[in-house]
Structure formats: C-alpha cells, structure tokens
Amino acid sequence: MLAAACALSAGLTTAEAHHFDSSGNIRWQDADRDWSEGRRSARSDRARGRRHARDERPYERRRARDDFEGRSDLGAGMRFSGVGPRPRQWCGWWMRTQRGGGPEFNVAWNWRSYGSPASPQVGAVVVWRHHVGEIVGRASNGQWIVRSGNDGGAVRTRARSVAGAVFRI
C-alpha cells in the first residue's frame, strides 16, 4: 500500500499537485487561482481535473501521433489555410478542403444542402447521415468508389454501398 502511494505521488508534477489544508480545501497561496473564485473542496477540484484530463488527453495523443510518427491523415506537413482546425469528426472538414464551404459544412449531414441534387455519378458528393465523401469511380461489383476523410481515421478511397445516401453536385 505504501509503495503504491509513493509510486502515485512520484508521477505527479508540481503543476498537477495541489496543496490542501486540514479541512481539504486548497491553500490559495500555493495554487494558481484567483481569490475571487472562492474556496473549493479538494474532492470537486480533483473531479474537475479528471474530466479535463479525459477530454484532452486523447486529442493530445492523436495530435502527437500525427505530428511525430508521420501519420498525418492529410499528408506530411500539409496545412489547409482558411478551413480552421480539424475537428474530432472530420470527414466534413476534409470535404471543405476539397470543395470549399463555410464551417457549417464541418458537419457531414449539412452537405445535403451543397450544390444541387444529383444521381450517383463520378464527381458527386455522397452524403450519409454521419459521413460524407466524393464519388471517384465505380467498382466491378457495382458499388461506387468513394474517397472520404476520417474513414478509419484517414483519408481513404474504397468501394462502398451508397444505399440511403443523398447525392449533390
């Protein structure tokens, strides 16, 4: 038990550690917080820290992987100016890099209002409820070949069923 407590405390940096008084409240002279925020209990502060860590760490890991392992989903070192940062679900954002459009098109389903209605054909935007891509060909089995972003975490081109999809050109 003592070894586990020592191992746990050794993993904390000074930025992560909080200093508490005997009642469990943060000692403000040791914390980087404003007095106007008032006193908080140690338990609620730790809970906020867990939520924050849960929300941010997967993004940081993905970003580090993309930047340092050469696995950028958009090509090594490519940056697209004018489309903003890549959101977590980024198929619509990737289509914006190909076709243009405002930030409302970061949401895949919003591509249903792009251009004018069309039938399945090469060059058409294909829109599913939670995904968007562009048709680039037709496979020998009759399925359409679709290129899309965030398909398995990358930009991929593959044969897909377009049943139930909306087509725009």
N, C-alpha and C. Protein backbone atom coordinates (compact mmCIF):
# COMPACT_ATOMS: atom_id res chain seq x y z
N MET A 1 0.83 -1.18 0.00
CA MET A 1 0.00 0.00 0.00
C MET A 1 0.88 1.25 0.00
N LEU A 2 1.90 1.27 0.84
CA LEU A 2 2.80 2.41 0.91
C LEU A 2 3.56 2.57 -0.40
N ALA A 3 3.96 1.47 -0.99
CA ALA A 3 4.68 1.53 -2.27
C ALA A 3 3.79 2.11 -3.35
N ALA A 4 2.50 1.75 -3.37
CA ALA A 4 1.56 2.27 -4.36
C ALA A 4 1.37 3.77 -4.18
N ALA A 5 1.28 4.24 -2.94
CA ALA A 5 1.13 5.66 -2.68
C ALA A 5 2.37 6.43 -3.13
N CYS A 6 3.54 5.87 -2.88
CA CYS A 6 4.79 6.53 -3.30
C CYS A 6 4.89 6.58 -4.82
N ALA A 7 4.51 5.50 -5.49
CA ALA A 7 4.56 5.46 -6.95
C ALA A 7 3.59 6.47 -7.55
N LEU A 8 2.41 6.58 -6.95
CA LEU A 8 1.42 7.53 -7.42
C LEU A 8 1.90 8.95 -7.25
N SER A 9 2.44 9.28 -6.10
CA SER A 9 2.89 10.66 -5.86
C SER A 9 4.13 11.00 -6.68
N ALA A 10 4.95 10.02 -7.03
CA ALA A 10 6.14 10.27 -7.84
C ALA A 10 5.76 10.67 -9.26
N GLY A 11 4.59 10.23 -9.73
CA GLY A 11 4.15 10.55 -11.08
C GLY A 11 3.56 11.94 -11.23
N LEU A 12 3.30 12.64 -10.13
CA LEU A 12 2.71 13.97 -10.21
C LEU A 12 3.78 15.03 -10.41
N THR A 13 3.49 15.99 -11.24
CA THR A 13 4.39 17.13 -11.38
C THR A 13 3.88 18.24 -10.47
N THR A 14 4.65 19.28 -10.27
CA THR A 14 4.21 20.36 -9.41
C THR A 14 3.00 21.06 -9.99
N ALA A 15 2.83 21.04 -11.31
CA ALA A 15 1.66 21.68 -11.92
C ALA A 15 0.39 20.89 -11.63
N GLU A 16 0.53 19.58 -11.45
CA GLU A 16 -0.64 18.76 -11.19
C GLU A 16 -0.97 18.68 -9.71
N ALA A 17 0.01 18.84 -8.84
CA ALA A 17 -0.18 18.69 -7.41
C ALA A 17 -0.89 19.90 -6.83
N HIS A 18 -1.78 19.66 -5.87
CA HIS A 18 -2.45 20.73 -5.16
C HIS A 18 -2.08 20.62 -3.69
N HIS A 19 -2.01 21.73 -3.02
CA HIS A 19 -1.72 21.76 -1.60
C HIS A 19 -3.01 22.03 -0.86
N PHE A 20 -3.34 21.18 0.10
CA PHE A 20 -4.60 21.28 0.81
C PHE A 20 -4.35 21.54 2.28
N ASP A 21 -5.31 22.27 2.92
CA ASP A 21 -5.22 22.46 4.36
C ASP A 21 -5.90 21.28 5.05
N SER A 22 -6.00 21.33 6.37
CA SER A 22 -6.51 20.19 7.14
C SER A 22 -7.97 19.89 6.85
N SER A 23 -8.74 20.87 6.35
CA SER A 23 -10.15 20.61 6.05
C SER A 23 -10.38 20.17 4.61
N GLY A 24 -9.31 20.02 3.85
CA GLY A 24 -9.43 19.53 2.48
C GLY A 24 -9.59 20.63 1.45
N ASN A 25 -9.49 21.89 1.84
CA ASN A 25 -9.59 22.99 0.89
C ASN A 25 -8.21 23.36 0.36
N ILE A 26 -8.18 23.90 -0.83
CA ILE A 26 -6.92 24.32 -1.43
C ILE A 26 -6.37 25.50 -0.66
N ARG A 27 -5.07 25.48 -0.38
CA ARG A 27 -4.42 26.64 0.22
C ARG A 27 -4.09 27.58 -0.93
N TRP A 28 -4.74 28.71 -0.97
CA TRP A 28 -4.68 29.60 -2.12
C TRP A 28 -3.30 30.19 -2.35
N GLN A 29 -2.48 30.33 -1.34
CA GLN A 29 -1.16 30.90 -1.58
C GLN A 29 -0.30 29.95 -2.39
N ASP A 30 -0.65 28.64 -2.44
CA ASP A 30 0.11 27.67 -3.20
C ASP A 30 -0.53 27.34 -4.55
N ALA A 31 -1.72 27.85 -4.80
CA ALA A 31 -2.43 27.49 -6.04
C ALA A 31 -2.42 28.68 -6.99
N ASP A 32 -2.56 28.39 -8.26
CA ASP A 32 -2.60 29.43 -9.29
C ASP A 32 -4.04 29.80 -9.58
N ARG A 33 -4.78 30.15 -8.59
CA ARG A 33 -6.19 30.50 -8.77
C ARG A 33 -6.43 31.89 -8.20
N ASP A 34 -7.46 32.50 -8.67
CA ASP A 34 -7.82 33.84 -8.22
C ASP A 34 -8.65 33.74 -6.94
N TRP A 35 -8.38 34.62 -5.98
CA TRP A 35 -9.14 34.63 -4.72
C TRP A 35 -10.61 34.84 -4.96
N SER A 36 -10.96 35.53 -6.02
CA SER A 36 -12.37 35.86 -6.25
C SER A 36 -13.20 34.62 -6.57
N GLU A 37 -12.56 33.51 -6.95
CA GLU A 37 -13.29 32.30 -7.25
C GLU A 37 -13.80 31.61 -5.98
N GLY A 38 -13.28 31.99 -4.81
CA GLY A 38 -13.71 31.38 -3.56
C GLY A 38 -13.02 30.07 -3.30
N ARG A 39 -13.36 29.44 -2.21
CA ARG A 39 -12.74 28.19 -1.81
C ARG A 39 -13.52 27.02 -2.39
N ARG A 40 -12.80 26.03 -2.83
CA ARG A 40 -13.42 24.83 -3.39
C ARG A 40 -12.97 23.64 -2.57
N SER A 41 -13.79 22.62 -2.56
CA SER A 41 -13.36 21.42 -1.85
C SER A 41 -12.34 20.68 -2.71
N ALA A 42 -11.49 19.94 -2.05
CA ALA A 42 -10.47 19.18 -2.77
C ALA A 42 -11.12 18.14 -3.67
N ARG A 43 -12.21 17.55 -3.21
CA ARG A 43 -12.85 16.50 -4.00
C ARG A 43 -13.40 17.04 -5.32
N SER A 44 -14.09 18.18 -5.29
CA SER A 44 -14.64 18.71 -6.54
C SER A 44 -13.53 19.17 -7.47
N ASP A 45 -12.43 19.69 -6.92
CA ASP A 45 -11.31 20.11 -7.75
C ASP A 45 -10.65 18.91 -8.43
N ARG A 46 -10.50 17.81 -7.71
CA ARG A 46 -9.92 16.61 -8.31
C ARG A 46 -10.86 16.05 -9.37
N ALA A 47 -12.17 16.08 -9.12
CA ALA A 47 -13.13 15.58 -10.11
C ALA A 47 -13.05 16.41 -11.39
N ARG A 48 -12.95 17.74 -11.26
CA ARG A 48 -12.81 18.58 -12.45
C ARG A 48 -11.54 18.23 -13.20
N GLY A 49 -10.47 17.95 -12.47
CA GLY A 49 -9.21 17.58 -13.10
C GLY A 49 -9.34 16.29 -13.89
N ARG A 50 -10.09 15.31 -13.38
CA ARG A 50 -10.28 14.06 -14.10
C ARG A 50 -11.07 14.28 -15.38
N ARG A 51 -12.13 15.09 -15.31
CA ARG A 51 -12.91 15.36 -16.52
C ARG A 51 -12.04 16.06 -17.56
N HIS A 52 -11.24 17.02 -17.12
CA HIS A 52 -10.37 17.76 -18.03
C HIS A 52 -9.36 16.81 -18.68
N ALA A 53 -8.77 15.95 -17.89
CA ALA A 53 -7.77 15.02 -18.43
C ALA A 53 -8.42 14.07 -19.42
N ARG A 54 -9.62 13.58 -19.12
CA ARG A 54 -10.31 12.67 -20.02
C ARG A 54 -10.61 13.33 -21.36
N ASP A 55 -10.99 14.61 -21.31
CA ASP A 55 -11.35 15.31 -22.54
C ASP A 55 -10.15 15.64 -23.40
N GLU A 56 -9.02 15.96 -22.81
CA GLU A 56 -7.91 16.49 -23.59
C GLU A 56 -6.86 15.46 -23.98
N ARG A 57 -6.64 14.47 -23.19
CA ARG A 57 -5.53 13.56 -23.47
C ARG A 57 -5.66 12.78 -24.76
N PRO A 58 -6.84 12.24 -25.12
CA PRO A 58 -6.90 11.53 -26.40
C PRO A 58 -6.56 12.44 -27.58
N TYR A 59 -6.99 13.69 -27.54
CA TYR A 59 -6.66 14.62 -28.62
C TYR A 59 -5.16 14.84 -28.67
N GLU A 60 -4.52 15.01 -27.48
CA GLU A 60 -3.08 15.24 -27.47
C GLU A 60 -2.34 14.03 -28.01
N ARG A 61 -2.79 12.82 -27.66
CA ARG A 61 -2.13 11.61 -28.17
C ARG A 61 -2.28 11.52 -29.69
N ARG A 62 -3.50 11.79 -30.18
CA ARG A 62 -3.73 11.72 -31.62
C ARG A 62 -2.88 12.76 -32.34
N ARG A 63 -2.82 13.98 -31.79
CA ARG A 63 -2.04 15.05 -32.39
C ARG A 63 -0.56 14.68 -32.41
N ALA A 64 -0.07 14.12 -31.28
CA ALA A 64 1.34 13.72 -31.22
C ALA A 64 1.63 12.63 -32.24
N ARG A 65 0.72 11.67 -32.36
CA ARG A 65 0.91 10.60 -33.35
C ARG A 65 0.98 11.18 -34.75
N ASP A 66 0.04 12.08 -35.07
CA ASP A 66 0.01 12.67 -36.40
C ASP A 66 1.27 13.47 -36.70
N ASP A 67 1.73 14.25 -35.71
CA ASP A 67 2.85 15.14 -35.92
C ASP A 67 4.19 14.42 -35.93
N PHE A 68 4.36 13.40 -35.07
CA PHE A 68 5.68 12.84 -34.87
C PHE A 68 5.89 11.46 -35.47
N GLU A 69 4.84 10.77 -35.82
CA GLU A 69 5.03 9.45 -36.42
C GLU A 69 4.83 9.49 -37.93
N GLY A 70 4.66 10.68 -38.48
CA GLY A 70 4.47 10.78 -39.92
C GLY A 70 3.14 10.25 -40.38
N ARG A 71 2.15 10.20 -39.48
CA ARG A 71 0.86 9.63 -39.83
C ARG A 71 -0.19 10.71 -40.02
N SER A 72 0.19 11.88 -40.46
CA SER A 72 -0.81 12.91 -40.69
C SER A 72 -1.80 12.39 -41.72
N ASP A 73 -3.06 12.48 -41.40
CA ASP A 73 -4.09 11.97 -42.28
C ASP A 73 -4.22 12.79 -43.55
N LEU A 74 -3.57 13.94 -43.58
CA LEU A 74 -3.71 14.82 -44.73
C LEU A 74 -2.44 14.89 -45.56
N GLY A 75 -1.45 14.15 -45.19
CA GLY A 75 -0.17 14.21 -45.88
C GLY A 75 0.85 14.90 -45.00
N ALA A 76 2.08 14.52 -45.11
CA ALA A 76 3.12 15.03 -44.21
C ALA A 76 3.24 16.54 -44.32
N GLY A 77 3.02 17.19 -43.20
CA GLY A 77 3.22 18.62 -43.09
C GLY A 77 2.18 19.49 -43.80
N MET A 78 1.13 18.90 -44.38
CA MET A 78 0.15 19.70 -45.10
C MET A 78 -0.73 20.46 -44.13
N ARG A 79 -0.97 21.70 -44.40
CA ARG A 79 -1.87 22.53 -43.61
C ARG A 79 -2.84 23.20 -44.58
N PHE A 80 -4.08 23.28 -44.22
CA PHE A 80 -5.08 23.90 -45.07
C PHE A 80 -5.49 25.21 -44.45
N SER A 81 -5.10 26.31 -45.07
CA SER A 81 -5.45 27.61 -44.53
C SER A 81 -6.89 27.93 -44.86
N GLY A 82 -7.54 28.62 -43.94
CA GLY A 82 -8.89 29.07 -44.18
C GLY A 82 -9.99 28.11 -43.78
N VAL A 83 -9.68 26.88 -43.43
CA VAL A 83 -10.74 25.96 -43.03
C VAL A 83 -10.75 25.72 -41.52
N GLY A 84 -9.82 26.30 -40.80
CA GLY A 84 -9.80 26.16 -39.34
C GLY A 84 -9.20 24.83 -38.92
N PRO A 85 -9.13 24.62 -37.60
CA PRO A 85 -8.54 23.37 -37.09
C PRO A 85 -9.44 22.18 -37.39
N ARG A 86 -8.82 21.03 -37.49
CA ARG A 86 -9.56 19.80 -37.78
C ARG A 86 -10.35 19.36 -36.56
N PRO A 87 -11.67 19.22 -36.68
CA PRO A 87 -12.47 18.75 -35.54
C PRO A 87 -12.29 17.26 -35.31
N ARG A 88 -12.84 16.77 -34.21
CA ARG A 88 -12.71 15.35 -33.86
C ARG A 88 -13.31 14.46 -34.94
N GLN A 89 -14.50 14.79 -35.40
CA GLN A 89 -15.12 14.06 -36.51
C GLN A 89 -14.94 14.94 -37.74
N TRP A 90 -14.01 14.55 -38.62
CA TRP A 90 -13.50 15.50 -39.60
C TRP A 90 -13.77 15.17 -41.06
N CYS A 91 -14.71 14.29 -41.36
CA CYS A 91 -14.98 14.00 -42.78
C CYS A 91 -15.54 15.23 -43.49
N GLY A 92 -16.44 15.97 -42.84
CA GLY A 92 -16.98 17.19 -43.45
C GLY A 92 -15.91 18.26 -43.61
N TRP A 93 -15.04 18.38 -42.61
CA TRP A 93 -13.94 19.33 -42.68
C TRP A 93 -13.03 19.00 -43.86
N TRP A 94 -12.74 17.72 -44.07
CA TRP A 94 -11.89 17.32 -45.20
C TRP A 94 -12.55 17.67 -46.53
N MET A 95 -13.86 17.45 -46.63
CA MET A 95 -14.57 17.82 -47.87
C MET A 95 -14.46 19.32 -48.12
N ARG A 96 -14.47 20.13 -47.05
CA ARG A 96 -14.29 21.58 -47.22
C ARG A 96 -12.94 21.89 -47.86
N THR A 97 -11.91 21.09 -47.54
CA THR A 97 -10.60 21.33 -48.15
C THR A 97 -10.63 20.99 -49.64
N GLN A 98 -11.58 20.17 -50.06
CA GLN A 98 -11.69 19.77 -51.46
C GLN A 98 -12.67 20.63 -52.25
N ARG A 99 -13.78 21.03 -51.61
CA ARG A 99 -14.87 21.71 -52.32
C ARG A 99 -15.15 23.13 -51.83
N GLY A 100 -14.55 23.54 -50.70
CA GLY A 100 -14.86 24.85 -50.13
C GLY A 100 -16.08 24.78 -49.24
N GLY A 101 -16.52 25.93 -48.80
CA GLY A 101 -17.70 26.00 -47.93
C GLY A 101 -17.32 26.50 -46.56
N GLY A 102 -18.32 26.94 -45.83
CA GLY A 102 -18.11 27.51 -44.50
C GLY A 102 -18.03 26.45 -43.43
N PRO A 103 -17.81 26.88 -42.19
CA PRO A 103 -17.65 25.94 -41.08
C PRO A 103 -18.89 25.07 -40.81
N GLU A 104 -20.06 25.51 -41.29
CA GLU A 104 -21.25 24.67 -41.11
C GLU A 104 -21.10 23.33 -41.83
N PHE A 105 -20.23 23.28 -42.85
CA PHE A 105 -20.01 22.03 -43.59
C PHE A 105 -19.04 21.09 -42.88
N ASN A 106 -18.54 21.45 -41.70
CA ASN A 106 -17.77 20.50 -40.90
C ASN A 106 -18.65 19.34 -40.46
N VAL A 107 -19.96 19.55 -40.38
CA VAL A 107 -20.92 18.52 -40.01
C VAL A 107 -21.33 17.79 -41.29
N ALA A 108 -21.14 16.49 -41.33
CA ALA A 108 -21.37 15.72 -42.56
C ALA A 108 -22.78 15.92 -43.12
N TRP A 109 -23.79 15.84 -42.29
CA TRP A 109 -25.17 15.89 -42.78
C TRP A 109 -25.48 17.23 -43.44
N ASN A 110 -24.77 18.30 -43.09
CA ASN A 110 -25.03 19.59 -43.70
C ASN A 110 -24.65 19.64 -45.18
N TRP A 111 -23.87 18.66 -45.65
CA TRP A 111 -23.53 18.61 -47.08
C TRP A 111 -24.74 18.27 -47.93
N ARG A 112 -25.85 17.87 -47.33
CA ARG A 112 -27.05 17.56 -48.10
C ARG A 112 -27.61 18.81 -48.78
N SER A 113 -27.18 19.99 -48.32
CA SER A 113 -27.66 21.23 -48.94
C SER A 113 -26.62 21.84 -49.89
N TYR A 114 -25.52 21.16 -50.13
CA TYR A 114 -24.46 21.64 -51.02
C TYR A 114 -24.91 21.51 -52.47
N GLY A 115 -24.63 22.51 -53.29
CA GLY A 115 -24.90 22.43 -54.73
C GLY A 115 -26.34 22.12 -55.05
N SER A 116 -26.53 21.20 -56.01
CA SER A 116 -27.88 20.81 -56.42
C SER A 116 -28.00 19.29 -56.38
N PRO A 117 -29.24 18.78 -56.28
CA PRO A 117 -29.44 17.33 -56.23
C PRO A 117 -28.90 16.64 -57.48
N ALA A 118 -28.43 15.42 -57.29
CA ALA A 118 -27.85 14.67 -58.41
C ALA A 118 -28.13 13.18 -58.20
N SER A 119 -27.77 12.41 -59.19
CA SER A 119 -27.81 10.95 -59.08
C SER A 119 -26.38 10.48 -58.82
N PRO A 120 -26.19 9.23 -58.42
CA PRO A 120 -24.82 8.74 -58.20
C PRO A 120 -24.02 8.83 -59.50
N GLN A 121 -22.89 9.52 -59.46
CA GLN A 121 -22.02 9.69 -60.62
C GLN A 121 -20.65 10.15 -60.15
N VAL A 122 -19.67 9.93 -60.97
CA VAL A 122 -18.31 10.37 -60.64
C VAL A 122 -18.33 11.89 -60.49
N GLY A 123 -17.74 12.35 -59.41
CA GLY A 123 -17.69 13.78 -59.12
C GLY A 123 -18.76 14.25 -58.15
N ALA A 124 -19.75 13.40 -57.87
CA ALA A 124 -20.82 13.79 -56.96
C ALA A 124 -20.36 13.68 -55.51
N VAL A 125 -20.91 14.54 -54.67
CA VAL A 125 -20.71 14.43 -53.23
C VAL A 125 -21.77 13.46 -52.73
N VAL A 126 -21.35 12.45 -51.97
CA VAL A 126 -22.28 11.48 -51.41
C VAL A 126 -22.37 11.72 -49.91
N VAL A 127 -23.61 11.86 -49.42
CA VAL A 127 -23.85 12.25 -48.04
C VAL A 127 -24.68 11.19 -47.34
N TRP A 128 -24.12 10.62 -46.31
CA TRP A 128 -24.86 9.75 -45.40
C TRP A 128 -25.18 10.57 -44.15
N ARG A 129 -25.95 10.03 -43.27
CA ARG A 129 -26.35 10.76 -42.05
C ARG A 129 -25.13 11.20 -41.23
N HIS A 130 -24.10 10.36 -41.15
CA HIS A 130 -22.94 10.68 -40.31
C HIS A 130 -21.61 10.63 -41.07
N HIS A 131 -21.67 10.72 -42.40
CA HIS A 131 -20.42 10.68 -43.17
C HIS A 131 -20.64 11.34 -44.52
N VAL A 132 -19.55 11.85 -45.09
CA VAL A 132 -19.62 12.48 -46.41
C VAL A 132 -18.34 12.15 -47.17
N GLY A 133 -18.46 12.02 -48.48
CA GLY A 133 -17.31 11.74 -49.33
C GLY A 133 -17.61 12.16 -50.76
N GLU A 134 -16.70 11.83 -51.66
CA GLU A 134 -16.92 12.14 -53.07
C GLU A 134 -16.73 10.88 -53.89
N ILE A 135 -17.59 10.70 -54.88
CA ILE A 135 -17.50 9.53 -55.75
C ILE A 135 -16.40 9.76 -56.77
N VAL A 136 -15.46 8.80 -56.85
CA VAL A 136 -14.33 8.94 -57.78
C VAL A 136 -14.31 7.82 -58.82
N GLY A 137 -15.23 6.87 -58.75
CA GLY A 137 -15.25 5.78 -59.73
C GLY A 137 -16.31 4.75 -59.39
N ARG A 138 -16.31 3.68 -60.19
CA ARG A 138 -17.26 2.59 -59.98
C ARG A 138 -16.51 1.27 -59.99
N ALA A 139 -16.79 0.44 -59.01
CA ALA A 139 -16.13 -0.86 -58.89
C ALA A 139 -16.81 -1.89 -59.81
N SER A 140 -16.11 -2.99 -60.07
CA SER A 140 -16.66 -4.03 -60.94
C SER A 140 -17.89 -4.70 -60.34
N ASN A 141 -18.03 -4.63 -59.01
CA ASN A 141 -19.19 -5.25 -58.36
C ASN A 141 -20.40 -4.32 -58.33
N GLY A 142 -20.30 -3.13 -58.94
CA GLY A 142 -21.42 -2.19 -59.00
C GLY A 142 -21.41 -1.14 -57.90
N GLN A 143 -20.60 -1.33 -56.88
CA GLN A 143 -20.53 -0.31 -55.85
C GLN A 143 -19.75 0.89 -56.36
N TRP A 144 -19.99 2.04 -55.72
CA TRP A 144 -19.27 3.24 -56.09
C TRP A 144 -17.99 3.36 -55.28
N ILE A 145 -16.95 3.87 -55.90
CA ILE A 145 -15.69 4.09 -55.20
C ILE A 145 -15.73 5.50 -54.64
N VAL A 146 -15.58 5.59 -53.31
CA VAL A 146 -15.74 6.86 -52.60
C VAL A 146 -14.43 7.21 -51.90
N ARG A 147 -14.02 8.46 -52.04
CA ARG A 147 -12.87 8.99 -51.29
C ARG A 147 -13.45 9.90 -50.21
N SER A 148 -13.01 9.67 -48.97
CA SER A 148 -13.53 10.48 -47.87
C SER A 148 -12.51 10.60 -46.76
N GLY A 149 -12.64 11.67 -46.00
CA GLY A 149 -11.79 11.88 -44.84
C GLY A 149 -12.38 11.20 -43.62
N ASN A 150 -11.53 10.92 -42.65
CA ASN A 150 -11.94 10.28 -41.41
C ASN A 150 -12.63 8.94 -41.65
N ASP A 151 -12.18 8.22 -42.62
CA ASP A 151 -12.67 6.87 -42.89
C ASP A 151 -11.66 5.92 -42.27
N GLY A 152 -11.95 5.46 -41.07
CA GLY A 152 -10.97 4.66 -40.33
C GLY A 152 -9.81 5.51 -39.85
N GLY A 153 -10.05 6.81 -39.63
CA GLY A 153 -9.02 7.71 -39.12
C GLY A 153 -8.09 8.26 -40.17
N ALA A 154 -8.39 8.06 -41.45
CA ALA A 154 -7.51 8.54 -42.53
C ALA A 154 -8.35 8.93 -43.73
N VAL A 155 -7.72 9.53 -44.71
CA VAL A 155 -8.37 9.76 -45.99
C VAL A 155 -8.21 8.47 -46.78
N ARG A 156 -9.34 7.86 -47.15
CA ARG A 156 -9.28 6.58 -47.86
C ARG A 156 -10.16 6.61 -49.09
N THR A 157 -9.80 5.78 -50.05
CA THR A 157 -10.61 5.58 -51.25
C THR A 157 -10.95 4.11 -51.29
N ARG A 158 -12.27 3.81 -51.29
CA ARG A 158 -12.69 2.41 -51.29
C ARG A 158 -14.10 2.28 -51.84
N ALA A 159 -14.44 1.06 -52.27
CA ALA A 159 -15.79 0.78 -52.76
C ALA A 159 -16.75 0.75 -51.58
N ARG A 160 -17.88 1.42 -51.73
CA ARG A 160 -18.87 1.49 -50.66
C ARG A 160 -20.26 1.38 -51.24
N SER A 161 -21.16 0.88 -50.44
CA SER A 161 -22.58 0.93 -50.79
C SER A 161 -23.07 2.35 -50.54
N VAL A 162 -23.83 2.89 -51.47
CA VAL A 162 -24.37 4.24 -51.29
C VAL A 162 -25.88 4.19 -51.05
N ALA A 163 -26.37 3.03 -50.63
CA ALA A 163 -27.80 2.89 -50.35
C ALA A 163 -28.21 3.86 -49.25
N GLY A 164 -29.27 4.58 -49.47
CA GLY A 164 -29.78 5.52 -48.49
C GLY A 164 -29.05 6.85 -48.43
N ALA A 165 -28.10 7.06 -49.32
CA ALA A 165 -27.32 8.30 -49.31
C ALA A 165 -27.98 9.37 -50.18
N VAL A 166 -27.56 10.60 -49.97
CA VAL A 166 -28.01 11.75 -50.77
C VAL A 166 -26.83 12.15 -51.66
N PHE A 167 -27.13 12.56 -52.89
CA PHE A 167 -26.07 12.94 -53.84
C PHE A 167 -26.22 14.39 -54.24
N ARG A 168 -25.12 15.11 -54.26
CA ARG A 168 -25.11 16.53 -54.63
C ARG A 168 -23.97 16.78 -55.62
N ILE A 169 -24.19 17.71 -56.50
CA ILE A 169 -23.13 18.07 -57.46
C ILE A 169 -22.99 19.57 -57.57
